[in-house]
Amino acid sequence: MSGSSPRRADVEALVAAYRADLIAAGMFAENPVTSVARMFFTRVGAGGWARLSLAEQCALPLKDRRVAGWLIVTGRARPRSLLNWAVFW
């Protein structure tokens, strides 16, 4: 029996879309990048991003904020405001 949990279809769909967009942009899209995205989508999720306070959003590591930025620019999540979006980065 494996120690890893089964992968969720909703998370895998987001990871596949994230990876496809990275490839389309000519960016690196292999395991280190998709693993970070998978963990973010499992832990926080697209909907969970909006429930985090601005302080919690800003406290996330840069690698997680990159995934959150992708959610925002693709319309899967919304920034709290343009001003907060500027502070976030």
PDB file of N, CA and C in Angstrom:
ATOM      1  N   MET A   1       0.840  -1.182   0.000  1.00  0.00           N
ATOM      2  CA  MET A   1       0.000   0.000   0.000  1.00  0.00           C
ATOM      3  C   MET A   1       0.886   1.247   0.000  1.00  0.00           C
ATOM      4  N   SER A   2       0.558   2.171  -0.822  1.00  0.00           N
ATOM      5  CA  SER A   2       1.340   3.406  -0.957  1.00  0.00           C
ATOM      6  C   SER A   2       1.025   4.364   0.181  1.00  0.00           C
ATOM      7  N   GLY A   3       2.020   5.146   0.586  1.00  0.00           N
ATOM      8  CA  GLY A   3       1.820   6.137   1.630  1.00  0.00           C
ATOM      9  C   GLY A   3       1.256   7.438   1.109  1.00  0.00           C
ATOM     10  N   SER A   4       1.175   7.593  -0.194  1.00  0.00           N
ATOM     11  CA  SER A   4       0.666   8.849  -0.745  1.00  0.00           C
ATOM     12  C   SER A   4      -0.846   8.768  -0.915  1.00  0.00           C
ATOM     13  N   SER A   5      -1.483   9.923  -0.799  1.00  0.00           N
ATOM     14  CA  SER A   5      -2.933   9.974  -0.953  1.00  0.00           C
ATOM     15  C   SER A   5      -3.298  10.041  -2.433  1.00  0.00           C
ATOM     16  N   PRO A   6      -4.502   9.589  -2.775  1.00  0.00           N
ATOM     17  CA  PRO A   6      -4.916   9.658  -4.182  1.00  0.00           C
ATOM     18  C   PRO A   6      -5.043  11.105  -4.635  1.00  0.00           C
ATOM     19  N   ARG A   7      -4.788  11.330  -5.887  1.00  0.00           N
ATOM     20  CA  ARG A   7      -4.867  12.689  -6.430  1.00  0.00           C
ATOM     21  C   ARG A   7      -6.309  13.045  -6.743  1.00  0.00           C
ATOM     22  N   ARG A   8      -6.647  14.292  -6.462  1.00  0.00           N
ATOM     23  CA  ARG A   8      -8.002  14.778  -6.713  1.00  0.00           C
ATOM     24  C   ARG A   8      -8.108  15.287  -8.141  1.00  0.00           C
ATOM     25  N   ALA A   9      -9.212  14.984  -8.787  1.00  0.00           N
ATOM     26  CA  ALA A   9      -9.417  15.372 -10.188  1.00  0.00           C
ATOM     27  C   ALA A   9      -9.432  16.890 -10.357  1.00  0.00           C
ATOM     28  N   ASP A  10     -10.037  17.617  -9.413  1.00  0.00           N
ATOM     29  CA  ASP A  10     -10.095  19.078  -9.532  1.00  0.00           C
ATOM     30  C   ASP A  10      -8.700  19.691  -9.443  1.00  0.00           C
ATOM     31  N   VAL A  11      -7.882  19.163  -8.555  1.00  0.00           N
ATOM     32  CA  VAL A  11      -6.501  19.643  -8.406  1.00  0.00           C
ATOM     33  C   VAL A  11      -5.701  19.315  -9.660  1.00  0.00           C
ATOM     34  N   GLU A  12      -5.844  18.103 -10.155  1.00  0.00           N
ATOM     35  CA  GLU A  12      -5.094  17.694 -11.347  1.00  0.00           C
ATOM     36  C   GLU A  12      -5.498  18.505 -12.575  1.00  0.00           C
ATOM     37  N   ALA A  13      -6.766  18.889 -12.663  1.00  0.00           N
ATOM     38  CA  ALA A  13      -7.213  19.730 -13.783  1.00  0.00           C
ATOM     39  C   ALA A  13      -6.547  21.102 -13.718  1.00  0.00           C
ATOM     40  N   LEU A  14      -6.437  21.673 -12.519  1.00  0.00           N
ATOM     41  CA  LEU A  14      -5.760  22.964 -12.361  1.00  0.00           C
ATOM     42  C   LEU A  14      -4.269  22.839 -12.670  1.00  0.00           C
ATOM     43  N   VAL A  15      -3.645  21.774 -12.191  1.00  0.00           N
ATOM     44  CA  VAL A  15      -2.214  21.559 -12.464  1.00  0.00           C
ATOM     45  C   VAL A  15      -1.985  21.436 -13.965  1.00  0.00           C
ATOM     46  N   ALA A  16      -2.845  20.699 -14.659  1.00  0.00           N
ATOM     47  CA  ALA A  16      -2.701  20.527 -16.109  1.00  0.00           C
ATOM     48  C   ALA A  16      -2.858  21.862 -16.834  1.00  0.00           C
ATOM     49  N   ALA A  17      -3.814  22.668 -16.412  1.00  0.00           N
ATOM     50  CA  ALA A  17      -4.017  23.985 -17.039  1.00  0.00           C
ATOM     51  C   ALA A  17      -2.822  24.898 -16.760  1.00  0.00           C
ATOM     52  N   TYR A  18      -2.324  24.882 -15.520  1.00  0.00           N
ATOM     53  CA  TYR A  18      -1.161  25.689 -15.142  1.00  0.00           C
ATOM     54  C   TYR A  18       0.054  25.289 -15.981  1.00  0.00           C
ATOM     55  N   ARG A  19       0.285  23.987 -16.087  1.00  0.00           N
ATOM     56  CA  ARG A  19       1.418  23.476 -16.858  1.00  0.00           C
ATOM     57  C   ARG A  19       1.286  23.858 -18.332  1.00  0.00           C
ATOM     58  N   ALA A  20       0.089  23.722 -18.891  1.00  0.00           N
ATOM     59  CA  ALA A  20      -0.132  24.066 -20.302  1.00  0.00           C
ATOM     60  C   ALA A  20       0.150  25.542 -20.552  1.00  0.00           C
ATOM     61  N   ASP A  21      -0.269  26.405 -19.626  1.00  0.00           N
ATOM     62  CA  ASP A  21      -0.016  27.840 -19.793  1.00  0.00           C
ATOM     63  C   ASP A  21       1.471  28.153 -19.687  1.00  0.00           C
ATOM     64  N   LEU A  22       2.170  27.491 -18.786  1.00  0.00           N
ATOM     65  CA  LEU A  22       3.616  27.702 -18.682  1.00  0.00           C
ATOM     66  C   LEU A  22       4.314  27.277 -19.972  1.00  0.00           C
ATOM     67  N   ILE A  23       3.939  26.124 -20.489  1.00  0.00           N
ATOM     68  CA  ILE A  23       4.535  25.637 -21.743  1.00  0.00           C
ATOM     69  C   ILE A  23       4.234  26.612 -22.875  1.00  0.00           C
ATOM     70  N   ALA A  24       2.997  27.081 -22.962  1.00  0.00           N
ATOM     71  CA  ALA A  24       2.615  28.024 -24.019  1.00  0.00           C
ATOM     72  C   ALA A  24       3.422  29.317 -23.943  1.00  0.00           C
ATOM     73  N   ALA A  25       3.828  29.688 -22.730  1.00  0.00           N
ATOM     74  CA  ALA A  25       4.622  30.904 -22.534  1.00  0.00           C
ATOM     75  C   ALA A  25       6.120  30.638 -22.675  1.00  0.00           C
ATOM     76  N   GLY A  26       6.488  29.391 -22.978  1.00  0.00           N
ATOM     77  CA  GLY A  26       7.901  29.048 -23.138  1.00  0.00           C
ATOM     78  C   GLY A  26       8.648  28.933 -21.823  1.00  0.00           C
ATOM     79  N   MET A  27       7.920  28.674 -20.740  1.00  0.00           N
ATOM     80  CA  MET A  27       8.536  28.596 -19.421  1.00  0.00           C
ATOM     81  C   MET A  27       8.728  27.143 -18.992  1.00  0.00           C
ATOM     82  N   PHE A  28       9.576  26.941 -18.011  1.00  0.00           N
ATOM     83  CA  PHE A  28       9.814  25.620 -17.450  1.00  0.00           C
ATOM     84  C   PHE A  28       8.528  25.125 -16.787  1.00  0.00           C
ATOM     85  N   ALA A  29       8.137  23.889 -17.071  1.00  0.00           N
ATOM     86  CA  ALA A  29       6.867  23.368 -16.555  1.00  0.00           C
ATOM     87  C   ALA A  29       6.974  21.915 -16.142  1.00  0.00           C
ATOM     88  N   GLU A  30       8.083  21.543 -15.535  1.00  0.00           N
ATOM     89  CA  GLU A  30       8.270  20.151 -15.116  1.00  0.00           C
ATOM     90  C   GLU A  30       7.994  19.990 -13.620  1.00  0.00           C
ATOM     91  N   ASN A  31       8.358  18.847 -13.079  1.00  0.00           N
ATOM     92  CA  ASN A  31       7.986  18.450 -11.728  1.00  0.00           C
ATOM     93  C   ASN A  31       8.232  19.494 -10.631  1.00  0.00           C
ATOM     94  N   PRO A  32       9.362  20.128 -10.509  1.00  0.00           N
ATOM     95  CA  PRO A  32       9.487  21.065  -9.385  1.00  0.00           C
ATOM     96  C   PRO A  32       8.409  22.155  -9.400  1.00  0.00           C
ATOM     97  N   VAL A  33       8.037  22.597 -10.575  1.00  0.00           N
ATOM     98  CA  VAL A  33       7.035  23.662 -10.702  1.00  0.00           C
ATOM     99  C   VAL A  33       5.630  23.098 -10.499  1.00  0.00           C
ATOM    100  N   THR A  34       5.331  21.984 -11.129  1.00  0.00           N
ATOM    101  CA  THR A  34       3.987  21.417 -11.008  1.00  0.00           C
ATOM    102  C   THR A  34       3.746  20.860  -9.603  1.00  0.00           C
ATOM    103  N   SER A  35       4.800  20.416  -8.941  1.00  0.00           N
ATOM    104  CA  SER A  35       4.659  19.928  -7.569  1.00  0.00           C
ATOM    105  C   SER A  35       4.249  21.056  -6.627  1.00  0.00           C
ATOM    106  N   VAL A  36       4.852  22.227  -6.788  1.00  0.00           N
ATOM    107  CA  VAL A  36       4.477  23.397  -5.987  1.00  0.00           C
ATOM    108  C   VAL A  36       3.023  23.758  -6.250  1.00  0.00           C
ATOM    109  N   ALA A  37       2.643  23.771  -7.512  1.00  0.00           N
ATOM    110  CA  ALA A  37       1.259  24.102  -7.866  1.00  0.00           C
ATOM    111  C   ALA A  37       0.288  23.087  -7.266  1.00  0.00           C
ATOM    112  N   ARG A  38       0.614  21.810  -7.381  1.00  0.00           N
ATOM    113  CA  ARG A  38      -0.257  20.754  -6.844  1.00  0.00           C
ATOM    114  C   ARG A  38      -0.449  20.928  -5.337  1.00  0.00           C
ATOM    115  N   MET A  39       0.627  21.201  -4.625  1.00  0.00           N
ATOM    116  CA  MET A  39       0.524  21.395  -3.171  1.00  0.00           C
ATOM    117  C   MET A  39      -0.309  22.642  -2.836  1.00  0.00           C
ATOM    118  N   PHE A  40      -0.113  23.719  -3.603  1.00  0.00           N
ATOM    119  CA  PHE A  40      -0.888  24.935  -3.369  1.00  0.00           C
ATOM    120  C   PHE A  40      -2.376  24.673  -3.604  1.00  0.00           C
ATOM    121  N   PHE A  41      -2.712  24.023  -4.722  1.00  0.00           N
ATOM    122  CA  PHE A  41      -4.119  23.757  -5.043  1.00  0.00           C
ATOM    123  C   PHE A  41      -4.742  22.798  -4.028  1.00  0.00           C
ATOM    124  N   THR A  42      -3.957  21.881  -3.494  1.00  0.00           N
ATOM    125  CA  THR A  42      -4.460  20.948  -2.491  1.00  0.00           C
ATOM    126  C   THR A  42      -4.674  21.648  -1.156  1.00  0.00           C
ATOM    127  N   ARG A  43      -3.712  22.467  -0.753  1.00  0.00           N
ATOM    128  CA  ARG A  43      -3.750  23.160   0.539  1.00  0.00           C
ATOM    129  C   ARG A  43      -4.717  24.327   0.553  1.00  0.00           C
ATOM    130  N   VAL A  44      -4.620  25.204  -0.453  1.00  0.00           N
ATOM    131  CA  VAL A  44      -5.367  26.463  -0.462  1.00  0.00           C
ATOM    132  C   VAL A  44      -6.522  26.406  -1.445  1.00  0.00           C
ATOM    133  N   GLY A  45      -6.241  25.967  -2.654  1.00  0.00           N
ATOM    134  CA  GLY A  45      -7.271  25.900  -3.691  1.00  0.00           C
ATOM    135  C   GLY A  45      -7.565  27.255  -4.295  1.00  0.00           C
ATOM    136  N   ALA A  46      -8.209  27.246  -5.438  1.00  0.00           N
ATOM    137  CA  ALA A  46      -8.552  28.490  -6.115  1.00  0.00           C
ATOM    138  C   ALA A  46      -9.528  29.302  -5.273  1.00  0.00           C
ATOM    139  N   GLY A  47     -10.516  28.644  -4.712  1.00  0.00           N
ATOM    140  CA  GLY A  47     -11.498  29.342  -3.885  1.00  0.00           C
ATOM    141  C   GLY A  47     -10.950  29.773  -2.541  1.00  0.00           C
ATOM    142  N   GLY A  48      -9.999  29.023  -2.020  1.00  0.00           N
ATOM    143  CA  GLY A  48      -9.430  29.342  -0.715  1.00  0.00           C
ATOM    144  C   GLY A  48      -8.593  30.600  -0.715  1.00  0.00           C
ATOM    145  N   TRP A  49      -8.065  30.967  -1.864  1.00  0.00           N
ATOM    146  CA  TRP A  49      -7.245  32.166  -1.976  1.00  0.00           C
ATOM    147  C   TRP A  49      -8.021  33.396  -1.503  1.00  0.00           C
ATOM    148  N   ALA A  50      -9.256  33.522  -1.911  1.00  0.00           N
ATOM    149  CA  ALA A  50     -10.068  34.694  -1.550  1.00  0.00           C
ATOM    150  C   ALA A  50     -10.384  34.724  -0.054  1.00  0.00           C
ATOM    151  N   ARG A  51     -10.359  33.585   0.594  1.00  0.00           N
ATOM    152  CA  ARG A  51     -10.666  33.528   2.029  1.00  0.00           C
ATOM    153  C   ARG A  51      -9.459  33.883   2.904  1.00  0.00           C
ATOM    154  N   LEU A  52      -8.273  33.926   2.305  1.00  0.00           N
ATOM    155  CA  LEU A  52      -7.086  34.321   3.069  1.00  0.00           C
ATOM    156  C   LEU A  52      -7.075  35.829   3.261  1.00  0.00           C
ATOM    157  N   SER A  53      -6.618  36.268   4.418  1.00  0.00           N
ATOM    158  CA  SER A  53      -6.449  37.708   4.634  1.00  0.00           C
ATOM    159  C   SER A  53      -5.296  38.194   3.753  1.00  0.00           C
ATOM    160  N   LEU A  54      -5.213  39.499   3.556  1.00  0.00           N
ATOM    161  CA  LEU A  54      -4.102  40.044   2.787  1.00  0.00           C
ATOM    162  C   LEU A  54      -2.774  39.680   3.443  1.00  0.00           C
ATOM    163  N   ALA A  55      -2.726  39.733   4.762  1.00  0.00           N
ATOM    164  CA  ALA A  55      -1.496  39.372   5.475  1.00  0.00           C
ATOM    165  C   ALA A  55      -1.122  37.919   5.211  1.00  0.00           C
ATOM    166  N   GLU A  56      -2.120  37.030   5.203  1.00  0.00           N
ATOM    167  CA  GLU A  56      -1.845  35.610   4.926  1.00  0.00           C
ATOM    168  C   GLU A  56      -1.383  35.425   3.475  1.00  0.00           C
ATOM    169  N   GLN A  57      -2.010  36.142   2.555  1.00  0.00           N
ATOM    170  CA  GLN A  57      -1.601  36.052   1.157  1.00  0.00           C
ATOM    171  C   GLN A  57      -0.162  36.509   0.989  1.00  0.00           C
ATOM    172  N   CYS A  58       0.184  37.622   1.594  1.00  0.00           N
ATOM    173  CA  CYS A  58       1.537  38.165   1.465  1.00  0.00           C
ATOM    174  C   CYS A  58       2.575  37.317   2.187  1.00  0.00           C
ATOM    175  N   ALA A  59       2.148  36.564   3.194  1.00  0.00           N
ATOM    176  CA  ALA A  59       3.076  35.728   3.952  1.00  0.00           C
ATOM    177  C   ALA A  59       3.424  34.429   3.224  1.00  0.00           C
ATOM    178  N   LEU A  60       2.678  34.102   2.180  1.00  0.00           N
ATOM    179  CA  LEU A  60       2.979  32.880   1.437  1.00  0.00           C
ATOM    180  C   LEU A  60       4.331  33.009   0.739  1.00  0.00           C
ATOM    181  N   PRO A  61       5.030  31.900   0.578  1.00  0.00           N
ATOM    182  CA  PRO A  61       6.304  31.940  -0.151  1.00  0.00           C
ATOM    183  C   PRO A  61       6.095  32.406  -1.597  1.00  0.00           C
ATOM    184  N   LEU A  62       7.121  32.982  -2.174  1.00  0.00           N
ATOM    185  CA  LEU A  62       7.040  33.485  -3.547  1.00  0.00           C
ATOM    186  C   LEU A  62       6.553  32.414  -4.516  1.00  0.00           C
ATOM    187  N   LYS A  63       7.018  31.182  -4.356  1.00  0.00           N
ATOM    188  CA  LYS A  63       6.612  30.123  -5.282  1.00  0.00           C
ATOM    189  C   LYS A  63       5.098  29.900  -5.230  1.00  0.00           C
ATOM    190  N   ASP A  64       4.479  30.041  -4.050  1.00  0.00           N
ATOM    191  CA  ASP A  64       3.025  29.931  -3.947  1.00  0.00           C
ATOM    192  C   ASP A  64       2.339  31.160  -4.529  1.00  0.00           C
ATOM    193  N   ARG A  65       2.928  32.335  -4.323  1.00  0.00           N
ATOM    194  CA  ARG A  65       2.334  33.562  -4.869  1.00  0.00           C
ATOM    195  C   ARG A  65       2.367  33.558  -6.395  1.00  0.00           C
ATOM    196  N   ARG A  66       3.351  32.895  -6.987  1.00  0.00           N
ATOM    197  CA  ARG A  66       3.371  32.767  -8.458  1.00  0.00           C
ATOM    198  C   ARG A  66       2.163  31.974  -8.935  1.00  0.00           C
ATOM    199  N   VAL A  67       1.845  30.907  -8.236  1.00  0.00           N
ATOM    200  CA  VAL A  67       0.669  30.104  -8.594  1.00  0.00           C
ATOM    201  C   VAL A  67      -0.596  30.941  -8.381  1.00  0.00           C
ATOM    202  N   ALA A  68      -0.657  31.669  -7.281  1.00  0.00           N
ATOM    203  CA  ALA A  68      -1.817  32.535  -7.021  1.00  0.00           C
ATOM    204  C   ALA A  68      -1.934  33.605  -8.101  1.00  0.00           C
ATOM    205  N   GLY A  69      -0.823  34.145  -8.547  1.00  0.00           N
ATOM    206  CA  GLY A  69      -0.849  35.137  -9.629  1.00  0.00           C
ATOM    207  C   GLY A  69      -1.428  34.552 -10.895  1.00  0.00           C
ATOM    208  N   TRP A  70      -1.094  33.301 -11.190  1.00  0.00           N
ATOM    209  CA  TRP A  70      -1.671  32.624 -12.359  1.00  0.00           C
ATOM    210  C   TRP A  70      -3.182  32.492 -12.195  1.00  0.00           C
ATOM    211  N   LEU A  71      -3.630  32.125 -10.984  1.00  0.00           N
ATOM    212  CA  LEU A  71      -5.076  32.034 -10.747  1.00  0.00           C
ATOM    213  C   LEU A  71      -5.757  33.367 -11.044  1.00  0.00           C
ATOM    214  N   ILE A  72      -5.116  34.450 -10.641  1.00  0.00           N
ATOM    215  CA  ILE A  72      -5.704  35.781 -10.823  1.00  0.00           C
ATOM    216  C   ILE A  72      -5.710  36.188 -12.295  1.00  0.00           C
ATOM    217  N   VAL A  73      -4.593  36.041 -12.976  1.00  0.00           N
ATOM    218  CA  VAL A  73      -4.539  36.504 -14.369  1.00  0.00           C
ATOM    219  C   VAL A  73      -5.388  35.647 -15.307  1.00  0.00           C
ATOM    220  N   THR A  74      -5.688  34.417 -14.891  1.00  0.00           N
ATOM    221  CA  THR A  74      -6.547  33.564 -15.717  1.00  0.00           C
ATOM    222  C   THR A  74      -8.010  33.645 -15.302  1.00  0.00           C
ATOM    223  N   GLY A  75      -8.318  34.515 -14.342  1.00  0.00           N
ATOM    224  CA  GLY A  75      -9.707  34.710 -13.930  1.00  0.00           C
ATOM    225  C   GLY A  75     -10.249  33.646 -12.992  1.00  0.00           C
ATOM    226  N   ARG A  76      -9.393  32.810 -12.439  1.00  0.00           N
ATOM    227  CA  ARG A  76      -9.833  31.755 -11.520  1.00  0.00           C
ATOM    228  C   ARG A  76      -9.920  32.255 -10.081  1.00  0.00           C
ATOM    229  N   ALA A  77      -9.314  33.391  -9.810  1.00  0.00           N
ATOM    230  CA  ALA A  77      -9.365  34.038  -8.499  1.00  0.00           C
ATOM    231  C   ALA A  77      -9.289  35.540  -8.737  1.00  0.00           C
ATOM    232  N   ARG A  78      -9.718  36.303  -7.750  1.00  0.00           N
ATOM    233  CA  ARG A  78      -9.692  37.761  -7.880  1.00  0.00           C
ATOM    234  C   ARG A  78      -8.842  38.374  -6.780  1.00  0.00           C
ATOM    235  N   PRO A  79      -8.075  39.411  -7.124  1.00  0.00           N
ATOM    236  CA  PRO A  79      -7.346  40.125  -6.075  1.00  0.00           C
ATOM    237  C   PRO A  79      -8.341  40.924  -5.235  1.00  0.00           C
ATOM    238  N   ARG A  80      -7.982  41.223  -4.025  1.00  0.00           N
ATOM    239  CA  ARG A  80      -8.876  42.010  -3.167  1.00  0.00           C
ATOM    240  C   ARG A  80      -9.120  43.395  -3.758  1.00  0.00           C
ATOM    241  N   SER A  81      -8.072  44.011  -4.280  1.00  0.00           N
ATOM    242  CA  SER A  81      -8.182  45.299  -4.960  1.00  0.00           C
ATOM    243  C   SER A  81      -6.910  45.494  -5.772  1.00  0.00           C
ATOM    244  N   LEU A  82      -6.917  46.437  -6.684  1.00  0.00           N
ATOM    245  CA  LEU A  82      -5.713  46.706  -7.466  1.00  0.00           C
ATOM    246  C   LEU A  82      -4.586  47.200  -6.568  1.00  0.00           C
ATOM    247  N   LEU A  83      -4.912  47.996  -5.562  1.00  0.00           N
ATOM    248  CA  LEU A  83      -3.891  48.477  -4.646  1.00  0.00           C
ATOM    249  C   LEU A  83      -3.268  47.298  -3.891  1.00  0.00           C
ATOM    250  N   ASN A  84      -4.113  46.410  -3.368  1.00  0.00           N
ATOM    251  CA  ASN A  84      -3.578  45.243  -2.673  1.00  0.00           C
ATOM    252  C   ASN A  84      -2.771  44.364  -3.616  1.00  0.00           C
ATOM    253  N   TRP A  85      -3.184  44.284  -4.858  1.00  0.00           N
ATOM    254  CA  TRP A  85      -2.463  43.467  -5.843  1.00  0.00           C
ATOM    255  C   TRP A  85      -1.065  44.030  -6.030  1.00  0.00           C
ATOM    256  N   ALA A  86      -0.947  45.362  -6.079  1.00  0.00           N
ATOM    257  CA  ALA A  86       0.363  45.989  -6.231  1.00  0.00           C
ATOM    258  C   ALA A  86       1.240  45.727  -5.001  1.00  0.00           C
ATOM    259  N   VAL A  87       0.659  45.776  -3.811  1.00  0.00           N
ATOM    260  CA  VAL A  87       1.403  45.525  -2.583  1.00  0.00           C
ATOM    261  C   VAL A  87       1.829  44.066  -2.498  1.00  0.00           C
ATOM    262  N   PHE A  88       0.969  43.183  -2.966  1.00  0.00           N
ATOM    263  CA  PHE A  88       1.215  41.737  -2.933  1.00  0.00           C
ATOM    264  C   PHE A  88       2.509  41.398  -3.638  1.00  0.00           C
ATOM    265  N   TRP A  89       2.783  42.034  -4.766  1.00  0.00           N
ATOM    266  CA  TRP A  89       3.994  41.732  -5.544  1.00  0.00           C
ATOM    267  C   TRP A  89       5.110  42.617  -5.102  1.00  0.00           C
TER     268      TRP A  89
END
